[in-house]
Amino acid sequence: MYEGIFLVVLLVVVILAIRPASKYNNPVVIHKPGLYHATLAPGLEWLKNLIEQLAGQFSAESDISTRYFEVRAAEGCGLLAVGYRSGLLYCQCLPSLSHEVDSQTLRKFSEQVMADTPMSVSQDAQAGEQLCDAVARAVNQLQMTCQQLQS
């Protein structure tokens, strides 16, 4: 009798330990070939419109190092990393809770995502400024606000 109860409890514990934590813990990854690759933390799907807008209006001839922004909208606040590699816009988004800690986490996360896509030798500082301007335009068009974080 006790063995049966023990086996049932053990089975429940094993099932709870093995199953995925939650579908909400998984990031949303959007890849549009030739346009962009975006990784959004759960709850930041509202930033997809910003990324679509940005990808539609920006392209560059050379790679651009990652720039970091804090974006605010009616839906919330998020941290955005944007870089340009091999003709593709790369975006990573994390929620903004504690500004300093989250910006460090965003930098580490974006470096991990971009590790497979190294920067080419040719970099254009002016293109980096154009990327920042494109982010500002996209944010304004969607009636959001953004602040560039220090690199």
Foldseek 3Di string as FASTA:
>chain_A
DVVVVVVVVVVVVVVCVPDDPDPLQAWDWDDDPLFETETEHRQVVVCVQLSVQLSVPDWDDFWEDWWKKWKQDPSAIKIWIWIDAPNYIYIYIDHDDPPPVVVVVVVVVVCVVCVVGDGDPDDDVVSNVVSVVSSCVSCVVVVMDMDTDDD
